Amino acid sequence: MIPVSRPHVTEDDIAAVTNILQQGFVSGDAPIVGDFERAFAAAVSREHGIAVANGSVALDIALHALDLGEGDEVVIPSFTIASCLFAVLRTKAKPVFADVDPITWNLSIDTLHRVVTPRTRALIAVHIYGLPIEMDPILNFCRDRNITIIEDAAEAHTVTYNGKVCGSFGLASTFSFYANKAITCGEGGMIVTDDAAYATRVRGLRNLSFLPAPGPRFIHQEIGWNARLSALQAALGKSQLTRMNSVTAEKRRIGLRYHALLSNHSELVMQPTATTYSENKYWVVGVLLPDHCDARAIAAALREHGVDTRPFFYPLHRQPLLRQYSLADQAPLPVSERLGVQGLYLPSFVGITDDDISHSAHSLIDLVTK
C-alpha cells in the first residue's frame, strides 16, 4: 500500500531527541522549547512564538485571547478542518461560513464580502493545501472594518504571498506540526505574533494561566489550558526546522509531477500550480473528481490498487453538530459542498518514488474514465 503520508525523520532528528533525553530534559519548561519558539518565529518573520500541544489548541488559544463572546461573529471558510469551527464555538461567538473560490479552493475577497456584517469581529484566514489566500484585498478590507485576522497557516509552511512568508499576516498566525505536516513534532503547534502584549496573554493561557513570575504560584485569574509542548517534541521540531525549505521544495516537485500526469484529463480538477502571487507548495495533492464518480467508491477501488487516499474536508456549514447550537439552517455554499463530496488527495510524502506517483495517477485515471 502506498500511504497518503509518512513522516520524514532522519538520523539527525533522532540524535536531537536522544541528546535532550540524555540532558535530562523532558517537560515543556526546558530551554529547547524557547529555542524552538524563537527559531520558528524568525523563520516566519514574527517577533514572538508560543509553542503549544497541537494546531487545534493553537486556534483555541489564539481566538480566546481576543475576548470574543455572544453577539460577536467570526468568519471562517466552510472548506477547512473542523478545528476552526470548534475554536469559534468555544468562545461563544457565532461562526459565519464563507464559501471558497472554485479555482484556488481558498477564501477570497468576493466570498468574504457576502458574509461580513457589523457584528463581525474576526476572520480565520486559512491557506488550503499549500496554496495561499490572496491576502492584500482581505487585509485592506478587514483593516477598514476593524476585523482581526487570525491566519491559519497549518498547511502553508514556507509558502509565500507576494514574497512575504505565510504566518506573518494579521494579529497572529497558527501552525500545526502534526505527522503529515512539512515539519513534525508528532503532535504540536505554534502561535506567532508581533504583538508583545498579545504574546504574553497567549503564553499565560498556554500554561494554565499561572501568574507570571515573580507572582505567587497556583493563583489563577482566568481559565487556561495545559497546552505546553514537551522538550522532546521541541527537539524534534527544531531539528526538522533546519530542512523545512528542502522538504517543501520536494513537496512542490511531487505536486508538479502529479499535475503533469493528471492535468490533461479534463474531468479531473486540481489547484493551480501557481498564481500571480504565489507558488503552490502542495501540502497535499488534491484532485476534484467529476460529478458522475462516487468518490468513496473510487477511494475503495484505489485501495485495491494499492493506493491510499483521504477525502477532502467535509463542509463545516453542513456538520451535524451545528444542530446543537441552532446553526443548522445554513444557506448553500456550492463550491465547498462539491469539494467536500468529490475531493480526494493522493500519496505525496517525502520519499515517494516517481513510479509510485505514476501508479497512483494512472490508477485514478483508469477508474475515472471507465
Protein backbone atom coordinates (compact mmCIF):
# COMPACT_ATOMS: atom_id res chain seq x y z
CA MET A 1 0.00 0.00 0.00
CA ILE A 2 1.32 3.44 -0.95
CA PRO A 3 0.41 5.58 2.09
CA VAL A 4 -1.05 9.05 1.78
CA SER A 5 1.60 10.45 4.10
CA ARG A 6 4.62 9.32 6.04
CA PRO A 7 6.70 11.43 8.45
CA HIS A 8 10.20 12.21 7.27
CA VAL A 9 12.53 11.52 10.20
CA THR A 10 16.32 11.50 9.85
CA GLU A 11 19.21 10.31 11.98
CA ASP A 12 19.82 13.95 12.94
CA ASP A 13 16.26 14.15 14.27
CA ILE A 14 16.75 11.01 16.34
CA ALA A 15 20.07 12.33 17.66
CA ALA A 16 18.45 15.65 18.65
CA VAL A 17 15.76 13.91 20.69
CA THR A 18 18.25 11.50 22.23
CA ASN A 19 20.51 14.39 23.20
CA ILE A 20 17.67 16.14 25.04
CA LEU A 21 16.85 12.93 26.91
CA GLN A 22 20.49 12.49 27.87
CA GLN A 23 20.49 16.04 29.26
CA GLY A 24 17.54 15.13 31.46
CA PHE A 25 15.03 17.47 29.78
CA VAL A 26 11.52 16.19 29.17
CA SER A 27 8.87 18.75 30.09
CA GLY A 28 7.63 21.92 28.46
CA ASP A 29 9.75 24.29 30.55
CA ALA A 30 13.06 23.06 29.12
CA PRO A 31 15.30 25.59 27.33
CA ILE A 32 14.90 23.77 23.99
CA VAL A 33 11.24 24.84 23.86
CA GLY A 34 12.22 28.51 23.92
CA ASP A 35 14.94 27.82 21.35
CA PHE A 36 12.38 26.24 19.02
CA GLU A 37 9.92 29.10 19.55
CA ARG A 38 12.49 31.73 18.67
CA ALA A 39 13.83 29.82 15.65
CA PHE A 40 10.38 29.16 14.24
CA ALA A 41 9.18 32.73 14.81
CA ALA A 42 12.24 34.02 12.97
CA ALA A 43 11.59 31.59 10.10
CA VAL A 44 8.14 33.14 9.55
CA SER A 45 9.23 36.76 10.18
CA ARG A 46 7.48 37.12 13.53
CA GLU A 47 8.70 38.58 16.82
CA HIS A 48 7.15 36.03 19.17
CA GLY A 49 6.47 32.29 19.06
CA ILE A 50 4.44 30.34 21.59
CA ALA A 51 4.70 26.56 21.22
CA VAL A 52 1.59 24.55 22.09
CA ALA A 53 0.42 20.96 22.15
CA ASN A 54 -1.16 20.92 18.67
CA GLY A 55 -2.54 23.11 15.90
CA SER A 56 -6.12 22.86 17.15
CA VAL A 57 -5.32 24.23 20.59
CA ALA A 58 -3.28 26.95 18.87
CA LEU A 59 -6.51 28.12 17.25
CA ASP A 60 -8.40 27.79 20.54
CA ILE A 61 -5.97 29.97 22.45
CA ALA A 62 -5.44 32.48 19.63
CA LEU A 63 -9.18 33.13 19.44
CA HIS A 64 -9.77 33.04 23.20
CA ALA A 65 -7.20 35.81 23.62
CA LEU A 66 -9.45 38.11 21.53
CA ASP A 67 -12.10 38.07 24.30
CA LEU A 68 -14.91 37.18 21.92
CA GLY A 69 -18.36 36.35 23.18
CA GLU A 70 -22.06 36.11 22.44
CA GLY A 71 -23.15 38.56 19.77
CA ASP A 72 -19.75 38.53 18.06
CA GLU A 73 -19.26 36.84 14.71
CA VAL A 74 -16.18 35.09 13.34
CA VAL A 75 -15.93 34.33 9.64
CA ILE A 76 -14.39 31.01 8.64
CA PRO A 77 -14.22 29.27 5.27
CA SER A 78 -16.55 26.30 5.15
CA PHE A 79 -13.89 24.28 3.35
CA THR A 80 -11.37 23.65 6.11
CA ILE A 81 -10.65 21.48 9.14
CA ALA A 82 -13.25 21.34 11.93
CA SER A 83 -10.73 22.76 14.41
CA CYS A 84 -11.56 26.23 13.08
CA LEU A 85 -15.26 25.74 13.83
CA PHE A 86 -14.64 24.24 17.27
CA ALA A 87 -12.38 27.14 18.25
CA VAL A 88 -15.11 29.67 17.40
CA LEU A 89 -17.84 27.75 19.20
CA ARG A 90 -15.76 27.54 22.37
CA THR A 91 -15.58 31.36 22.53
CA LYS A 92 -19.43 31.54 22.44
CA ALA A 93 -19.16 33.68 19.29
CA LYS A 94 -21.15 32.79 16.18
CA PRO A 95 -19.33 31.09 13.30
CA VAL A 96 -20.23 32.58 9.94
CA PHE A 97 -19.36 30.37 6.98
CA ALA A 98 -17.91 31.67 3.73
CA ASP A 99 -17.68 29.73 0.50
CA VAL A 100 -14.37 29.38 -1.32
CA ASP A 101 -13.10 30.19 -4.77
CA PRO A 102 -13.66 27.36 -7.30
CA ILE A 103 -10.13 27.64 -8.71
CA THR A 104 -7.93 28.13 -5.63
CA TRP A 105 -10.30 26.47 -3.09
CA ASN A 106 -9.45 29.34 -0.76
CA LEU A 107 -11.46 32.13 0.81
CA SER A 108 -11.46 35.20 -1.44
CA ILE A 109 -12.41 38.83 -1.09
CA ASP A 110 -15.58 38.12 -3.07
CA THR A 111 -16.70 35.31 -0.76
CA LEU A 112 -15.79 37.40 2.29
CA HIS A 113 -17.89 40.36 1.10
CA ARG A 114 -21.00 38.18 1.08
CA VAL A 115 -20.92 37.26 4.77
CA VAL A 116 -19.42 40.13 6.76
CA THR A 117 -21.84 42.08 8.97
CA PRO A 118 -21.43 44.91 11.50
CA ARG A 119 -21.05 42.19 14.16
CA THR A 120 -18.00 40.57 12.51
CA ARG A 121 -15.10 40.71 14.96
CA ALA A 122 -12.61 38.28 13.49
CA LEU A 123 -11.66 36.20 10.45
CA ILE A 124 -9.76 32.92 10.40
CA ALA A 125 -7.82 33.12 7.14
CA VAL A 126 -6.94 29.55 6.16
CA HIS A 127 -4.42 28.74 3.44
CA ILE A 128 -5.59 25.47 1.87
CA TYR A 129 -3.39 22.56 0.77
CA GLY A 130 -0.23 24.64 0.23
CA LEU A 131 -1.74 27.46 -1.87
CA PRO A 132 -2.26 30.78 -0.06
CA ILE A 133 -5.18 33.16 0.03
CA GLU A 134 -4.83 36.37 -1.97
CA MET A 135 -4.16 38.36 1.18
CA ASP A 136 -3.84 42.04 0.23
CA PRO A 137 -7.52 42.70 -0.58
CA ILE A 138 -8.56 40.83 2.58
CA LEU A 139 -6.04 42.67 4.77
CA ASN A 140 -7.29 46.03 3.50
CA PHE A 141 -10.95 45.03 3.83
CA CYS A 142 -10.50 43.85 7.42
CA ARG A 143 -8.36 46.81 8.43
CA ASP A 144 -11.05 49.23 7.25
CA ARG A 145 -13.68 47.41 9.34
CA ASN A 146 -11.57 46.70 12.43
CA ILE A 147 -11.82 42.94 11.87
CA THR A 148 -9.00 40.96 13.50
CA ILE A 149 -7.30 38.39 11.29
CA ILE A 150 -6.05 35.11 12.73
CA GLU A 151 -4.08 33.40 9.97
CA ASP A 152 -4.23 29.59 9.90
CA ALA A 153 -1.00 28.61 8.17
CA ALA A 154 -1.02 24.96 9.28
CA GLU A 155 -0.86 23.82 5.64
CA ALA A 156 1.42 26.59 4.40
CA HIS A 157 4.93 26.02 5.78
CA THR A 158 7.40 28.13 3.71
CA VAL A 159 4.62 29.27 1.36
CA THR A 160 4.93 32.91 0.36
CA TYR A 161 2.43 35.51 -0.79
CA ASN A 162 3.99 38.23 -2.97
CA GLY A 163 7.33 37.33 -1.44
CA LYS A 164 6.12 37.55 2.18
CA VAL A 165 6.03 34.31 4.14
CA CYS A 166 2.69 32.89 5.25
CA GLY A 167 2.46 33.07 9.01
CA SER A 168 3.37 36.76 9.03
CA PHE A 169 -0.09 38.19 8.32
CA GLY A 170 -2.70 39.51 10.73
CA LEU A 171 -2.55 39.84 14.50
CA ALA A 172 -1.43 36.23 14.91
CA SER A 173 -0.88 33.06 12.93
CA THR A 174 -1.17 29.42 13.90
CA PHE A 175 0.76 26.38 12.72
CA SER A 176 0.46 22.63 13.15
CA PHE A 177 3.31 20.14 13.49
CA TYR A 178 1.18 17.03 13.09
CA ALA A 179 2.77 13.97 11.50
CA ASN A 180 1.67 14.91 7.96
CA LYS A 181 2.97 18.49 8.04
CA ALA A 182 6.16 19.75 6.38
CA ILE A 183 7.86 19.61 9.76
CA THR A 184 6.52 17.46 12.56
CA CYS A 185 6.80 17.07 16.29
CA GLY A 186 4.43 14.09 16.14
CA GLU A 187 1.88 16.46 17.60
CA GLY A 188 2.46 20.14 18.25
CA GLY A 189 1.62 23.64 17.15
CA MET A 190 2.74 27.25 17.33
CA ILE A 191 1.14 30.66 17.68
CA VAL A 192 3.23 33.51 16.27
CA THR A 193 2.64 37.24 16.56
CA ASP A 194 4.36 40.63 16.55
CA ASP A 195 2.20 41.98 19.39
CA ALA A 196 4.09 41.70 22.68
CA ALA A 197 1.03 42.11 24.91
CA TYR A 198 -0.92 39.52 22.95
CA ALA A 199 2.05 37.13 23.12
CA THR A 200 2.20 37.50 26.90
CA ARG A 201 -1.52 36.76 27.19
CA VAL A 202 -1.27 33.71 24.93
CA ARG A 203 1.79 32.40 26.75
CA GLY A 204 -0.10 32.55 30.03
CA LEU A 205 -3.19 30.83 28.60
CA ARG A 206 -0.94 28.06 27.27
CA ASN A 207 0.29 27.34 30.81
CA LEU A 208 -2.88 27.14 32.94
CA SER A 209 -2.95 30.95 33.30
CA PHE A 210 -0.37 30.92 36.08
CA LEU A 211 0.59 34.41 37.14
CA PRO A 212 3.90 35.44 35.57
CA ALA A 213 6.98 35.33 37.78
CA PRO A 214 7.60 36.56 40.39
CA GLY A 215 3.87 36.29 41.17
CA PRO A 216 2.63 33.65 43.61
CA ARG A 217 2.28 30.12 42.27
CA PHE A 218 -1.13 28.45 41.85
CA ILE A 219 -3.04 31.72 41.72
CA HIS A 220 -5.28 31.97 38.62
CA GLN A 221 -7.35 34.89 37.37
CA GLU A 222 -8.84 33.12 34.33
CA ILE A 223 -9.27 29.67 32.83
CA GLY A 224 -6.25 28.47 30.91
CA TRP A 225 -5.02 25.38 29.07
CA ASN A 226 -2.35 22.85 29.90
CA ALA A 227 -1.14 23.03 26.32
CA ARG A 228 2.62 23.04 26.62
CA LEU A 229 4.89 21.44 24.03
CA SER A 230 7.32 18.94 25.55
CA ALA A 231 11.08 19.17 25.32
CA LEU A 232 11.17 16.00 23.23
CA GLN A 233 8.75 17.46 20.70
CA ALA A 234 10.61 20.77 20.60
CA ALA A 235 13.91 18.99 19.97
CA LEU A 236 12.38 17.10 17.05
CA GLY A 237 10.74 20.24 15.68
CA LYS A 238 13.88 22.35 15.91
CA SER A 239 15.88 19.66 14.13
CA GLN A 240 13.28 19.39 11.37
CA LEU A 241 13.13 23.16 11.00
CA THR A 242 16.65 23.17 9.57
CA ARG A 243 15.41 21.37 6.43
CA MET A 244 11.88 22.79 6.15
CA ASN A 245 12.72 24.56 2.88
CA SER A 246 14.10 21.43 1.25
CA VAL A 247 11.09 19.39 2.38
CA THR A 248 8.61 21.85 0.87
CA ALA A 249 10.68 22.09 -2.31
CA GLU A 250 10.36 18.32 -2.64
CA LYS A 251 6.62 18.53 -1.94
CA ARG A 252 6.31 21.01 -4.80
CA ARG A 253 8.26 18.69 -7.11
CA ILE A 254 5.88 15.85 -6.22
CA GLY A 255 2.85 18.06 -6.81
CA LEU A 256 4.12 19.19 -10.19
CA ARG A 257 4.75 15.59 -11.19
CA TYR A 258 1.15 14.70 -10.37
CA HIS A 259 -0.08 17.79 -12.16
CA ALA A 260 1.81 16.81 -15.32
CA LEU A 261 0.18 13.37 -15.24
CA LEU A 262 -3.37 14.44 -14.37
CA SER A 263 -3.95 17.94 -15.74
CA ASN A 264 -4.58 16.81 -19.33
CA HIS A 265 -7.68 14.92 -18.20
CA SER A 266 -10.49 17.44 -18.39
CA GLU A 267 -12.66 15.62 -15.86
CA LEU A 268 -10.04 15.90 -13.11
CA VAL A 269 -9.62 19.31 -11.47
CA MET A 270 -6.60 20.36 -9.39
CA GLN A 271 -5.49 23.57 -7.74
CA PRO A 272 -3.24 25.67 -9.97
CA THR A 273 0.49 25.08 -9.73
CA ALA A 274 0.93 28.80 -9.19
CA THR A 275 -0.95 32.09 -9.13
CA THR A 276 0.19 35.62 -9.85
CA TYR A 277 1.12 35.95 -6.17
CA SER A 278 2.40 32.52 -5.12
CA GLU A 279 3.63 29.04 -5.94
CA ASN A 280 1.69 26.02 -4.72
CA LYS A 281 3.81 24.05 -2.23
CA TYR A 282 1.38 21.09 -2.24
CA TRP A 283 0.95 20.20 1.41
CA VAL A 284 -1.28 17.58 -0.18
CA VAL A 285 -2.06 16.80 -3.80
CA GLY A 286 -5.82 17.22 -4.10
CA VAL A 287 -7.97 16.11 -7.02
CA LEU A 288 -11.62 17.00 -7.56
CA LEU A 289 -13.47 14.17 -9.27
CA PRO A 290 -16.28 14.62 -11.81
CA ASP A 291 -19.85 14.53 -10.52
CA HIS A 292 -20.60 11.20 -12.19
CA CYS A 293 -18.00 9.49 -9.96
CA ASP A 294 -18.71 8.19 -6.48
CA ALA A 295 -15.64 9.44 -4.61
CA ARG A 296 -15.99 6.82 -1.87
CA ALA A 297 -16.16 4.04 -4.43
CA ILE A 298 -13.14 5.44 -6.25
CA ALA A 299 -11.20 5.59 -2.97
CA ALA A 300 -12.11 1.97 -2.22
CA ALA A 301 -11.06 0.89 -5.70
CA LEU A 302 -7.76 2.75 -5.39
CA ARG A 303 -7.04 0.86 -2.18
CA GLU A 304 -7.49 -2.37 -4.15
CA HIS A 305 -4.80 -0.99 -6.48
CA GLY A 306 -2.51 -0.36 -3.50
CA VAL A 307 -3.09 3.42 -3.34
CA ASP A 308 -4.26 5.02 -0.12
CA THR A 309 -6.26 8.27 -0.25
CA ARG A 310 -8.10 10.67 2.03
CA PRO A 311 -11.31 12.62 1.38
CA PHE A 312 -11.35 16.39 1.33
CA PHE A 313 -12.68 18.35 4.30
CA TYR A 314 -16.44 17.97 4.64
CA PRO A 315 -18.06 21.44 4.58
CA LEU A 316 -18.35 22.95 8.03
CA HIS A 317 -21.74 24.54 7.40
CA ARG A 318 -23.21 21.05 6.90
CA GLN A 319 -21.77 19.50 10.06
CA PRO A 320 -24.45 17.72 12.17
CA LEU A 321 -23.15 19.24 15.41
CA LEU A 322 -24.49 22.65 14.35
CA ARG A 323 -27.94 21.47 15.36
CA GLN A 324 -26.82 21.72 18.99
CA TYR A 325 -26.15 25.42 18.50
CA SER A 326 -29.25 26.31 16.46
CA LEU A 327 -26.96 26.87 13.49
CA ALA A 328 -28.09 24.01 11.27
CA ASP A 329 -30.16 26.12 8.85
CA GLN A 330 -27.32 27.29 6.63
CA ALA A 331 -27.50 28.69 3.12
CA PRO A 332 -25.91 26.56 0.37
CA LEU A 333 -22.22 27.09 -0.29
CA PRO A 334 -21.90 25.16 -3.55
CA VAL A 335 -18.14 25.18 -4.03
CA SER A 336 -17.40 23.92 -0.51
CA GLU A 337 -20.15 21.32 -0.83
CA ARG A 338 -18.81 19.93 -4.10
CA LEU A 339 -15.25 19.85 -2.81
CA GLY A 340 -16.38 18.05 0.34
CA VAL A 341 -18.16 15.33 -1.62
CA GLN A 342 -15.98 14.88 -4.71
CA GLY A 343 -12.43 15.54 -3.49
CA LEU A 344 -9.62 13.09 -2.78
CA TYR A 345 -5.98 13.62 -2.10
CA LEU A 346 -3.26 11.25 -3.19
CA PRO A 347 0.02 9.94 -1.71
CA SER A 348 2.58 12.75 -1.67
CA PHE A 349 5.01 12.11 1.20
CA VAL A 350 8.69 12.98 1.00
CA GLY A 351 10.36 9.80 -0.19
CA ILE A 352 7.62 8.64 -2.56
CA THR A 353 9.09 7.33 -5.80
CA ASP A 354 8.20 8.56 -9.26
CA ASP A 355 6.97 5.07 -10.03
CA ASP A 356 4.54 5.24 -7.11
CA ILE A 357 3.36 8.67 -8.24
CA SER A 358 2.76 7.33 -11.75
CA HIS A 359 0.97 4.26 -10.42
CA SER A 360 -1.28 6.40 -8.21
CA ALA A 361 -2.09 8.85 -11.01
CA HIS A 362 -2.73 6.26 -13.70
CA SER A 363 -4.84 4.13 -11.36
CA LEU A 364 -7.05 7.16 -10.73
CA ILE A 365 -7.30 7.95 -14.44
CA ASP A 366 -8.28 4.38 -15.27
CA LEU A 367 -11.04 4.35 -12.64
CA VAL A 368 -12.46 7.74 -13.56
CA THR A 369 -12.51 7.04 -17.31
CA LYS A 370 -14.07 3.57 -17.12
